[in-house]
Amino acid sequence: MKKYIVLALLSAGVFSSCGEYNKVLKSTDYEYKYEAAKSYFAKGQNSKAATILEELIPIMKGTAYGEESLYMLAMTYFNQGDYVTASHYFNTYYTTYPRGTYTELARYNSGKALYLDTPEPKLDQSSTYKAIQELQMFMEYFPRSERRELAQNMIFELQDKLVEKEYLSAKLYYDLGSYTGNTVYSSTGNNYLAAIVTAQNILKDYPYTKLREELSILILRAKYDMAKESVIEKKEERMLETVDEYYAFKNEFPESKYMKEVENIYKDASKYIKTTEEE
């Protein structure tokens, strides 16, 4: 019997809640609707709050409630995980109210929303560039903000994602190898060279990336493999470049997990280089 009483009370509460919400939606008292939206937002009922606020924003614009309504609407979408829409409304807020009460938070949360919406590295990274730009703009406008370090850390993470995307491209070039056969006399294609150039550009653009060692070993491998597959006329020159890359790698990563492989590359590459005595 108690079970049925509890269920009846719960059902009554649900219907009462739905009835109250419908009453708010049908009301033409916009102050009443505004207070209801704030109440739903405070309770974490973001979808209900958003529905009401979407109606109120055009009406409340220019009033004492307009600024808070717009920021609150952005937060309802942020809390629901609709980060693109949230960023749009945060952007609308700080554009409309450049000196508003919530402008610093709106700029920060706009960048954070885009940061949270970025895809995994192997996918298109257009939104990652946009998130970085938004967070950089926040730091420019509020250089002394207590959230500056958080924004900077998000930028670093997003840059790592861009590096990983480019690293995957460089590795793909390397894995494709040469266009032709592997004989000494064959003319090789540019996949190894593309891997080298891509990896070098990444290191130039992001010198402090956590993938620096992986990119460096990829460059060494690509130079070595390109040298091995070169025609006789170019083989010694490219083996010399490989040896130079070996020394650069060894100096920067003396304790590298790849050191055994690196030493083997050096030993083999050295065989193709004429010494002064031989000349």
C-alpha atoms as a PDB file:
ATOM      1  CA  MET A   1       0.000   0.000   0.000  1.00  0.00           C
ATOM      2  CA  LYS A   2       2.857   2.386   0.894  1.00  0.00           C
ATOM      3  CA  LYS A   3       4.387   1.689  -2.503  1.00  0.00           C
ATOM      4  CA  TYR A   4       1.274   2.901  -4.314  1.00  0.00           C
ATOM      5  CA  ILE A   5       1.059   5.996  -2.120  1.00  0.00           C
ATOM      6  CA  VAL A   6       4.660   6.917  -2.954  1.00  0.00           C
ATOM      7  CA  LEU A   7       4.054   6.412  -6.676  1.00  0.00           C
ATOM      8  CA  ALA A   8       0.885   8.479  -6.493  1.00  0.00           C
ATOM      9  CA  LEU A   9       2.741  11.304  -4.768  1.00  0.00           C
ATOM     10  CA  LEU A  10       5.543  11.188  -7.329  1.00  0.00           C
ATOM     11  CA  SER A  11       3.069  11.266 -10.201  1.00  0.00           C
ATOM     12  CA  ALA A  12       1.245  14.179  -8.631  1.00  0.00           C
ATOM     13  CA  GLY A  13       4.560  16.004  -8.306  1.00  0.00           C
ATOM     14  CA  VAL A  14       5.429  15.393 -11.971  1.00  0.00           C
ATOM     15  CA  PHE A  15       2.056  16.561 -13.208  1.00  0.00           C
ATOM     16  CA  SER A  16       2.204  19.550 -10.891  1.00  0.00           C
ATOM     17  CA  SER A  17       5.651  20.403 -12.263  1.00  0.00           C
ATOM     18  CA  CYS A  18       4.486  20.016 -15.868  1.00  0.00           C
ATOM     19  CA  GLY A  19       1.424  22.095 -15.136  1.00  0.00           C
ATOM     20  CA  GLU A  20       3.524  24.838 -13.597  1.00  0.00           C
ATOM     21  CA  TYR A  21       5.902  24.843 -16.578  1.00  0.00           C
ATOM     22  CA  ASN A  22       3.028  25.019 -19.071  1.00  0.00           C
ATOM     23  CA  LYS A  23       1.570  27.887 -17.080  1.00  0.00           C
ATOM     24  CA  VAL A  24       4.900  29.739 -17.398  1.00  0.00           C
ATOM     25  CA  LEU A  25       5.046  29.133 -21.146  1.00  0.00           C
ATOM     26  CA  LYS A  26       1.508  30.475 -21.679  1.00  0.00           C
ATOM     27  CA  SER A  27       1.997  33.508 -19.470  1.00  0.00           C
ATOM     28  CA  THR A  28       2.334  36.996 -20.954  1.00  0.00           C
ATOM     29  CA  ASP A  29       3.899  38.327 -17.752  1.00  0.00           C
ATOM     30  CA  TYR A  30       7.516  38.561 -18.830  1.00  0.00           C
ATOM     31  CA  GLU A  31       8.885  39.380 -15.382  1.00  0.00           C
ATOM     32  CA  TYR A  32       7.160  36.253 -14.081  1.00  0.00           C
ATOM     33  CA  LYS A  33       8.699  34.251 -16.927  1.00  0.00           C
ATOM     34  CA  TYR A  34      12.123  35.721 -16.205  1.00  0.00           C
ATOM     35  CA  GLU A  35      11.946  34.727 -12.531  1.00  0.00           C
ATOM     36  CA  ALA A  36      10.730  31.263 -13.531  1.00  0.00           C
ATOM     37  CA  ALA A  37      13.660  30.884 -15.948  1.00  0.00           C
ATOM     38  CA  LYS A  38      16.085  31.847 -13.166  1.00  0.00           C
ATOM     39  CA  SER A  39      14.442  29.308 -10.866  1.00  0.00           C
ATOM     40  CA  TYR A  40      14.677  26.500 -13.446  1.00  0.00           C
ATOM     41  CA  PHE A  41      18.310  27.442 -14.134  1.00  0.00           C
ATOM     42  CA  ALA A  42      19.154  27.364 -10.411  1.00  0.00           C
ATOM     43  CA  LYS A  43      17.584  23.895 -10.144  1.00  0.00           C
ATOM     44  CA  GLY A  44      19.660  22.621 -13.074  1.00  0.00           C
ATOM     45  CA  GLN A  45      16.617  22.359 -15.361  1.00  0.00           C
ATOM     46  CA  ASN A  46      18.534  23.930 -18.206  1.00  0.00           C
ATOM     47  CA  SER A  47      16.296  22.819 -21.066  1.00  0.00           C
ATOM     48  CA  LYS A  48      13.236  24.463 -19.513  1.00  0.00           C
ATOM     49  CA  ALA A  49      15.186  27.601 -18.685  1.00  0.00           C
ATOM     50  CA  ALA A  50      16.556  27.789 -22.253  1.00  0.00           C
ATOM     51  CA  THR A  51      13.106  27.496 -23.826  1.00  0.00           C
ATOM     52  CA  ILE A  52      11.805  30.397 -21.754  1.00  0.00           C
ATOM     53  CA  LEU A  53      14.917  32.532 -22.235  1.00  0.00           C
ATOM     54  CA  GLU A  54      14.906  32.060 -26.024  1.00  0.00           C
ATOM     55  CA  GLU A  55      11.514  33.783 -26.027  1.00  0.00           C
ATOM     56  CA  LEU A  56      12.568  36.471 -23.560  1.00  0.00           C
ATOM     57  CA  ILE A  57      15.887  37.594 -25.098  1.00  0.00           C
ATOM     58  CA  PRO A  58      14.398  39.760 -27.900  1.00  0.00           C
ATOM     59  CA  ILE A  59      11.843  41.221 -25.482  1.00  0.00           C
ATOM     60  CA  MET A  60      14.276  41.844 -22.618  1.00  0.00           C
ATOM     61  CA  LYS A  61      16.942  43.467 -24.796  1.00  0.00           C
ATOM     62  CA  GLY A  62      17.595  46.978 -23.545  1.00  0.00           C
ATOM     63  CA  THR A  63      15.937  46.317 -20.180  1.00  0.00           C
ATOM     64  CA  ALA A  64      17.496  45.658 -16.779  1.00  0.00           C
ATOM     65  CA  TYR A  65      17.031  41.931 -17.363  1.00  0.00           C
ATOM     66  CA  GLY A  66      18.441  41.727 -20.882  1.00  0.00           C
ATOM     67  CA  GLU A  67      22.110  41.301 -19.992  1.00  0.00           C
ATOM     68  CA  GLU A  68      21.646  38.588 -17.389  1.00  0.00           C
ATOM     69  CA  SER A  69      19.094  36.765 -19.561  1.00  0.00           C
ATOM     70  CA  LEU A  70      21.536  36.476 -22.446  1.00  0.00           C
ATOM     71  CA  TYR A  71      24.394  35.235 -20.286  1.00  0.00           C
ATOM     72  CA  MET A  72      22.098  32.783 -18.516  1.00  0.00           C
ATOM     73  CA  LEU A  73      20.881  31.436 -21.882  1.00  0.00           C
ATOM     74  CA  ALA A  74      24.481  30.789 -22.934  1.00  0.00           C
ATOM     75  CA  MET A  75      25.075  28.918 -19.665  1.00  0.00           C
ATOM     76  CA  THR A  76      22.004  26.718 -20.117  1.00  0.00           C
ATOM     77  CA  TYR A  77      23.416  25.425 -23.412  1.00  0.00           C
ATOM     78  CA  PHE A  78      26.884  25.072 -21.908  1.00  0.00           C
ATOM     79  CA  ASN A  79      25.461  22.966 -19.063  1.00  0.00           C
ATOM     80  CA  GLN A  80      23.606  20.770 -21.564  1.00  0.00           C
ATOM     81  CA  GLY A  81      26.811  20.099 -23.508  1.00  0.00           C
ATOM     82  CA  ASP A  82      25.682  22.006 -26.597  1.00  0.00           C
ATOM     83  CA  TYR A  83      29.006  23.821 -26.761  1.00  0.00           C
ATOM     84  CA  VAL A  84      28.694  25.337 -30.236  1.00  0.00           C
ATOM     85  CA  THR A  85      25.391  27.027 -29.377  1.00  0.00           C
ATOM     86  CA  ALA A  86      26.774  28.062 -25.981  1.00  0.00           C
ATOM     87  CA  SER A  87      29.811  29.692 -27.605  1.00  0.00           C
ATOM     88  CA  HIS A  88      27.519  31.497 -30.046  1.00  0.00           C
ATOM     89  CA  TYR A  89      25.513  33.046 -27.218  1.00  0.00           C
ATOM     90  CA  PHE A  90      28.609  33.862 -25.148  1.00  0.00           C
ATOM     91  CA  ASN A  91      29.954  35.600 -28.240  1.00  0.00           C
ATOM     92  CA  THR A  92      26.657  37.447 -28.698  1.00  0.00           C
ATOM     93  CA  TYR A  93      26.809  38.514 -25.067  1.00  0.00           C
ATOM     94  CA  TYR A  94      30.317  40.003 -25.061  1.00  0.00           C
ATOM     95  CA  THR A  95      29.690  41.639 -28.441  1.00  0.00           C
ATOM     96  CA  THR A  96      26.459  43.199 -27.191  1.00  0.00           C
ATOM     97  CA  TYR A  97      27.824  44.066 -23.754  1.00  0.00           C
ATOM     98  CA  PRO A  98      31.581  44.672 -24.193  1.00  0.00           C
ATOM     99  CA  ARG A  99      31.769  46.171 -20.686  1.00  0.00           C
ATOM    100  CA  GLY A 100      29.091  43.980 -19.166  1.00  0.00           C
ATOM    101  CA  THR A 101      29.027  42.324 -15.777  1.00  0.00           C
ATOM    102  CA  TYR A 102      29.777  38.903 -17.272  1.00  0.00           C
ATOM    103  CA  THR A 103      32.033  39.909 -20.186  1.00  0.00           C
ATOM    104  CA  GLU A 104      35.173  38.287 -18.773  1.00  0.00           C
ATOM    105  CA  LEU A 105      33.308  35.067 -18.015  1.00  0.00           C
ATOM    106  CA  ALA A 106      31.580  35.123 -21.398  1.00  0.00           C
ATOM    107  CA  ARG A 107      34.868  35.418 -23.305  1.00  0.00           C
ATOM    108  CA  TYR A 108      36.475  32.699 -21.208  1.00  0.00           C
ATOM    109  CA  ASN A 109      33.504  30.335 -21.434  1.00  0.00           C
ATOM    110  CA  SER A 110      33.170  30.915 -25.171  1.00  0.00           C
ATOM    111  CA  GLY A 111      36.726  29.654 -25.622  1.00  0.00           C
ATOM    112  CA  LYS A 112      36.230  26.838 -23.142  1.00  0.00           C
ATOM    113  CA  ALA A 113      33.055  25.715 -24.907  1.00  0.00           C
ATOM    114  CA  LEU A 114      34.881  25.512 -28.239  1.00  0.00           C
ATOM    115  CA  TYR A 115      37.778  23.728 -26.521  1.00  0.00           C
ATOM    116  CA  LEU A 116      35.382  21.090 -25.175  1.00  0.00           C
ATOM    117  CA  ASP A 117      33.858  20.637 -28.636  1.00  0.00           C
ATOM    118  CA  THR A 118      37.110  19.942 -30.518  1.00  0.00           C
ATOM    119  CA  PRO A 119      37.394  16.526 -32.222  1.00  0.00           C
ATOM    120  CA  GLU A 120      40.059  13.838 -31.932  1.00  0.00           C
ATOM    121  CA  PRO A 121      43.340  14.605 -33.758  1.00  0.00           C
ATOM    122  CA  LYS A 122      42.756  12.460 -36.857  1.00  0.00           C
ATOM    123  CA  LEU A 123      39.640  14.490 -37.781  1.00  0.00           C
ATOM    124  CA  ASP A 124      39.387  17.979 -39.286  1.00  0.00           C
ATOM    125  CA  GLN A 125      40.812  20.525 -36.853  1.00  0.00           C
ATOM    126  CA  SER A 126      39.096  23.718 -38.059  1.00  0.00           C
ATOM    127  CA  SER A 127      37.239  24.034 -34.746  1.00  0.00           C
ATOM    128  CA  THR A 128      40.518  23.606 -32.853  1.00  0.00           C
ATOM    129  CA  TYR A 129      41.993  26.666 -34.571  1.00  0.00           C
ATOM    130  CA  LYS A 130      38.819  28.589 -33.725  1.00  0.00           C
ATOM    131  CA  ALA A 131      39.029  27.543 -30.055  1.00  0.00           C
ATOM    132  CA  ILE A 132      42.675  28.643 -29.851  1.00  0.00           C
ATOM    133  CA  GLN A 133      41.797  32.001 -31.386  1.00  0.00           C
ATOM    134  CA  GLU A 134      38.931  32.531 -28.938  1.00  0.00           C
ATOM    135  CA  LEU A 135      41.078  31.692 -25.908  1.00  0.00           C
ATOM    136  CA  GLN A 136      43.899  33.912 -27.156  1.00  0.00           C
ATOM    137  CA  MET A 137      41.433  36.786 -27.517  1.00  0.00           C
ATOM    138  CA  PHE A 138      40.288  36.211 -23.925  1.00  0.00           C
ATOM    139  CA  MET A 139      43.902  36.451 -22.739  1.00  0.00           C
ATOM    140  CA  GLU A 140      44.431  39.638 -24.733  1.00  0.00           C
ATOM    141  CA  TYR A 141      41.353  41.326 -23.306  1.00  0.00           C
ATOM    142  CA  PHE A 142      41.931  40.099 -19.743  1.00  0.00           C
ATOM    143  CA  PRO A 143      45.702  39.642 -19.298  1.00  0.00           C
ATOM    144  CA  ARG A 144      45.427  39.734 -15.493  1.00  0.00           C
ATOM    145  CA  SER A 145      42.475  37.399 -15.202  1.00  0.00           C
ATOM    146  CA  GLU A 146      42.669  34.645 -12.600  1.00  0.00           C
ATOM    147  CA  ARG A 147      41.559  32.322 -15.417  1.00  0.00           C
ATOM    148  CA  ARG A 148      44.514  33.224 -17.638  1.00  0.00           C
ATOM    149  CA  GLU A 149      46.542  30.137 -16.667  1.00  0.00           C
ATOM    150  CA  LEU A 150      43.545  27.866 -17.308  1.00  0.00           C
ATOM    151  CA  ALA A 151      43.101  29.423 -20.736  1.00  0.00           C
ATOM    152  CA  GLN A 152      46.809  29.038 -21.509  1.00  0.00           C
ATOM    153  CA  ASN A 153      46.741  25.360 -20.525  1.00  0.00           C
ATOM    154  CA  MET A 154      43.777  24.771 -22.815  1.00  0.00           C
ATOM    155  CA  ILE A 155      45.687  26.431 -25.664  1.00  0.00           C
ATOM    156  CA  PHE A 156      48.668  24.145 -25.031  1.00  0.00           C
ATOM    157  CA  GLU A 157      46.392  21.083 -25.148  1.00  0.00           C
ATOM    158  CA  LEU A 158      44.787  22.279 -28.366  1.00  0.00           C
ATOM    159  CA  GLN A 159      48.187  22.911 -29.929  1.00  0.00           C
ATOM    160  CA  ASP A 160      49.214  19.369 -28.978  1.00  0.00           C
ATOM    161  CA  LYS A 161      46.146  18.167 -30.849  1.00  0.00           C
ATOM    162  CA  LEU A 162      47.220  20.112 -33.950  1.00  0.00           C
ATOM    163  CA  VAL A 163      50.735  18.694 -33.646  1.00  0.00           C
ATOM    164  CA  GLU A 164      49.390  15.161 -33.381  1.00  0.00           C
ATOM    165  CA  LYS A 165      47.253  15.726 -36.479  1.00  0.00           C
ATOM    166  CA  GLU A 166      50.309  16.886 -38.442  1.00  0.00           C
ATOM    167  CA  TYR A 167      52.450  14.119 -36.981  1.00  0.00           C
ATOM    168  CA  LEU A 168      49.951  11.551 -38.266  1.00  0.00           C
ATOM    169  CA  SER A 169      50.265  13.131 -41.719  1.00  0.00           C
ATOM    170  CA  ALA A 170      54.070  13.001 -41.580  1.00  0.00           C
ATOM    171  CA  LYS A 171      53.957   9.376 -40.425  1.00  0.00           C
ATOM    172  CA  LEU A 172      51.572   8.498 -43.232  1.00  0.00           C
ATOM    173  CA  TYR A 173      54.011   9.943 -45.776  1.00  0.00           C
ATOM    174  CA  TYR A 174      56.788   7.901 -44.209  1.00  0.00           C
ATOM    175  CA  ASP A 175      54.727   4.688 -44.176  1.00  0.00           C
ATOM    176  CA  LEU A 176      53.906   5.141 -47.860  1.00  0.00           C
ATOM    177  CA  GLY A 177      57.625   4.943 -48.648  1.00  0.00           C
ATOM    178  CA  SER A 178      58.917   5.591 -52.145  1.00  0.00           C
ATOM    179  CA  TYR A 179      56.850   5.577 -55.312  1.00  0.00           C
ATOM    180  CA  THR A 180      59.017   3.044 -57.123  1.00  0.00           C
ATOM    181  CA  GLY A 181      61.055  -0.076 -56.455  1.00  0.00           C
ATOM    182  CA  ASN A 182      63.847  -0.454 -53.944  1.00  0.00           C
ATOM    183  CA  THR A 183      66.806  -0.986 -56.243  1.00  0.00           C
ATOM    184  CA  VAL A 184      69.891   1.160 -55.947  1.00  0.00           C
ATOM    185  CA  TYR A 185      69.365   2.557 -59.425  1.00  0.00           C
ATOM    186  CA  SER A 186      65.687   3.407 -59.098  1.00  0.00           C
ATOM    187  CA  SER A 187      64.427   6.960 -58.875  1.00  0.00           C
ATOM    188  CA  THR A 188      62.397   7.337 -55.701  1.00  0.00           C
ATOM    189  CA  GLY A 189      59.362   9.505 -55.128  1.00  0.00           C
ATOM    190  CA  ASN A 190      58.870  12.281 -52.596  1.00  0.00           C
ATOM    191  CA  ASN A 191      56.999  10.569 -49.760  1.00  0.00           C
ATOM    192  CA  TYR A 192      60.095  10.429 -47.539  1.00  0.00           C
ATOM    193  CA  LEU A 193      60.895  14.024 -48.359  1.00  0.00           C
ATOM    194  CA  ALA A 194      57.280  15.008 -47.598  1.00  0.00           C
ATOM    195  CA  ALA A 195      57.561  13.265 -44.230  1.00  0.00           C
ATOM    196  CA  ILE A 196      60.785  15.149 -43.463  1.00  0.00           C
ATOM    197  CA  VAL A 197      59.444  18.560 -44.483  1.00  0.00           C
ATOM    198  CA  THR A 198      56.151  18.058 -42.608  1.00  0.00           C
ATOM    199  CA  ALA A 199      57.919  16.966 -39.427  1.00  0.00           C
ATOM    200  CA  GLN A 200      60.466  19.793 -39.642  1.00  0.00           C
ATOM    201  CA  ASN A 201      57.709  22.371 -40.078  1.00  0.00           C
ATOM    202  CA  ILE A 202      55.914  21.051 -37.008  1.00  0.00           C
ATOM    203  CA  LEU A 203      59.083  21.398 -34.932  1.00  0.00           C
ATOM    204  CA  LYS A 204      59.564  24.916 -36.264  1.00  0.00           C
ATOM    205  CA  ASP A 205      55.997  25.956 -35.407  1.00  0.00           C
ATOM    206  CA  TYR A 206      55.772  24.074 -32.088  1.00  0.00           C
ATOM    207  CA  PRO A 207      59.345  23.690 -30.763  1.00  0.00           C
ATOM    208  CA  TYR A 208      58.214  22.642 -27.274  1.00  0.00           C
ATOM    209  CA  THR A 209      55.766  19.956 -28.330  1.00  0.00           C
ATOM    210  CA  LYS A 210      55.656  16.766 -26.275  1.00  0.00           C
ATOM    211  CA  LEU A 211      55.998  14.854 -29.567  1.00  0.00           C
ATOM    212  CA  ARG A 212      59.401  16.372 -30.299  1.00  0.00           C
ATOM    213  CA  GLU A 213      61.283  13.080 -29.878  1.00  0.00           C
ATOM    214  CA  GLU A 214      58.783  11.183 -32.060  1.00  0.00           C
ATOM    215  CA  LEU A 215      59.083  13.789 -34.790  1.00  0.00           C
ATOM    216  CA  SER A 216      62.874  13.780 -34.582  1.00  0.00           C
ATOM    217  CA  ILE A 217      63.178  10.014 -34.936  1.00  0.00           C
ATOM    218  CA  LEU A 218      60.748  10.135 -37.848  1.00  0.00           C
ATOM    219  CA  ILE A 219      62.973  12.662 -39.611  1.00  0.00           C
ATOM    220  CA  LEU A 220      66.057  10.483 -39.035  1.00  0.00           C
ATOM    221  CA  ARG A 221      64.292   7.353 -40.297  1.00  0.00           C
ATOM    222  CA  ALA A 222      62.970   9.152 -43.365  1.00  0.00           C
ATOM    223  CA  LYS A 223      66.387  10.589 -44.264  1.00  0.00           C
ATOM    224  CA  TYR A 224      68.009   7.173 -43.828  1.00  0.00           C
ATOM    225  CA  ASP A 225      65.408   5.317 -45.894  1.00  0.00           C
ATOM    226  CA  MET A 226      65.462   7.978 -48.601  1.00  0.00           C
ATOM    227  CA  ALA A 227      69.264   7.678 -48.713  1.00  0.00           C
ATOM    228  CA  LYS A 228      69.088   3.878 -48.979  1.00  0.00           C
ATOM    229  CA  GLU A 229      66.743   4.077 -51.952  1.00  0.00           C
ATOM    230  CA  SER A 230      68.613   6.882 -53.715  1.00  0.00           C
ATOM    231  CA  VAL A 231      70.404   6.504 -57.002  1.00  0.00           C
ATOM    232  CA  ILE A 232      74.183   5.956 -56.680  1.00  0.00           C
ATOM    233  CA  GLU A 233      74.996   9.588 -57.514  1.00  0.00           C
ATOM    234  CA  LYS A 234      72.984  10.884 -54.547  1.00  0.00           C
ATOM    235  CA  LYS A 235      73.487   8.087 -52.039  1.00  0.00           C
ATOM    236  CA  GLU A 236      76.633   9.376 -50.299  1.00  0.00           C
ATOM    237  CA  GLU A 237      75.298  12.926 -49.991  1.00  0.00           C
ATOM    238  CA  ARG A 238      72.072  11.684 -48.425  1.00  0.00           C
ATOM    239  CA  MET A 239      73.898   9.319 -46.094  1.00  0.00           C
ATOM    240  CA  LEU A 240      75.940  12.322 -44.926  1.00  0.00           C
ATOM    241  CA  GLU A 241      72.682  14.132 -44.178  1.00  0.00           C
ATOM    242  CA  THR A 242      71.535  11.063 -42.259  1.00  0.00           C
ATOM    243  CA  VAL A 243      74.708  11.071 -40.156  1.00  0.00           C
ATOM    244  CA  ASP A 244      74.257  14.777 -39.430  1.00  0.00           C
ATOM    245  CA  GLU A 245      70.692  14.031 -38.309  1.00  0.00           C
ATOM    246  CA  TYR A 246      72.005  11.186 -36.154  1.00  0.00           C
ATOM    247  CA  TYR A 247      74.300  13.553 -34.244  1.00  0.00           C
ATOM    248  CA  ALA A 248      71.506  16.100 -33.807  1.00  0.00           C
ATOM    249  CA  PHE A 249      69.190  13.424 -32.424  1.00  0.00           C
ATOM    250  CA  LYS A 250      71.814  11.914 -30.139  1.00  0.00           C
ATOM    251  CA  ASN A 251      72.761  15.301 -28.690  1.00  0.00           C
ATOM    252  CA  GLU A 252      69.156  16.197 -27.923  1.00  0.00           C
ATOM    253  CA  PHE A 253      67.953  12.782 -26.749  1.00  0.00           C
ATOM    254  CA  PRO A 254      70.985  10.966 -25.266  1.00  0.00           C
ATOM    255  CA  GLU A 255      68.740   8.666 -23.201  1.00  0.00           C
ATOM    256  CA  SER A 256      66.220   8.010 -25.949  1.00  0.00           C
ATOM    257  CA  LYS A 257      64.366   4.704 -26.076  1.00  0.00           C
ATOM    258  CA  TYR A 258      65.273   4.668 -29.777  1.00  0.00           C
ATOM    259  CA  MET A 259      69.029   4.829 -29.205  1.00  0.00           C
ATOM    260  CA  LYS A 260      69.744   1.241 -30.302  1.00  0.00           C
ATOM    261  CA  GLU A 261      67.932   1.864 -33.602  1.00  0.00           C
ATOM    262  CA  VAL A 262      69.674   5.215 -33.978  1.00  0.00           C
ATOM    263  CA  GLU A 263      73.122   3.668 -33.512  1.00  0.00           C
ATOM    264  CA  ASN A 264      72.354   0.988 -36.102  1.00  0.00           C
ATOM    265  CA  ILE A 265      71.297   3.670 -38.584  1.00  0.00           C
ATOM    266  CA  TYR A 266      74.584   5.509 -37.952  1.00  0.00           C
ATOM    267  CA  LYS A 267      76.712   2.386 -38.428  1.00  0.00           C
ATOM    268  CA  ASP A 268      75.081   1.520 -41.723  1.00  0.00           C
ATOM    269  CA  ALA A 269      75.041   5.088 -43.036  1.00  0.00           C
ATOM    270  CA  SER A 270      78.742   5.490 -42.236  1.00  0.00           C
ATOM    271  CA  LYS A 271      79.624   2.662 -44.621  1.00  0.00           C
ATOM    272  CA  TYR A 272      78.605   4.787 -47.595  1.00  0.00           C
ATOM    273  CA  ILE A 273      80.691   7.808 -46.663  1.00  0.00           C
ATOM    274  CA  LYS A 274      84.195   8.170 -48.067  1.00  0.00           C
ATOM    275  CA  THR A 275      86.891   9.108 -45.614  1.00  0.00           C
ATOM    276  CA  THR A 276      89.666  11.633 -46.318  1.00  0.00           C
ATOM    277  CA  GLU A 277      92.216   8.801 -46.589  1.00  0.00           C
ATOM    278  CA  GLU A 278      90.105   6.961 -49.166  1.00  0.00           C
ATOM    279  CA  GLU A 279      89.960  10.116 -51.253  1.00  0.00           C
END
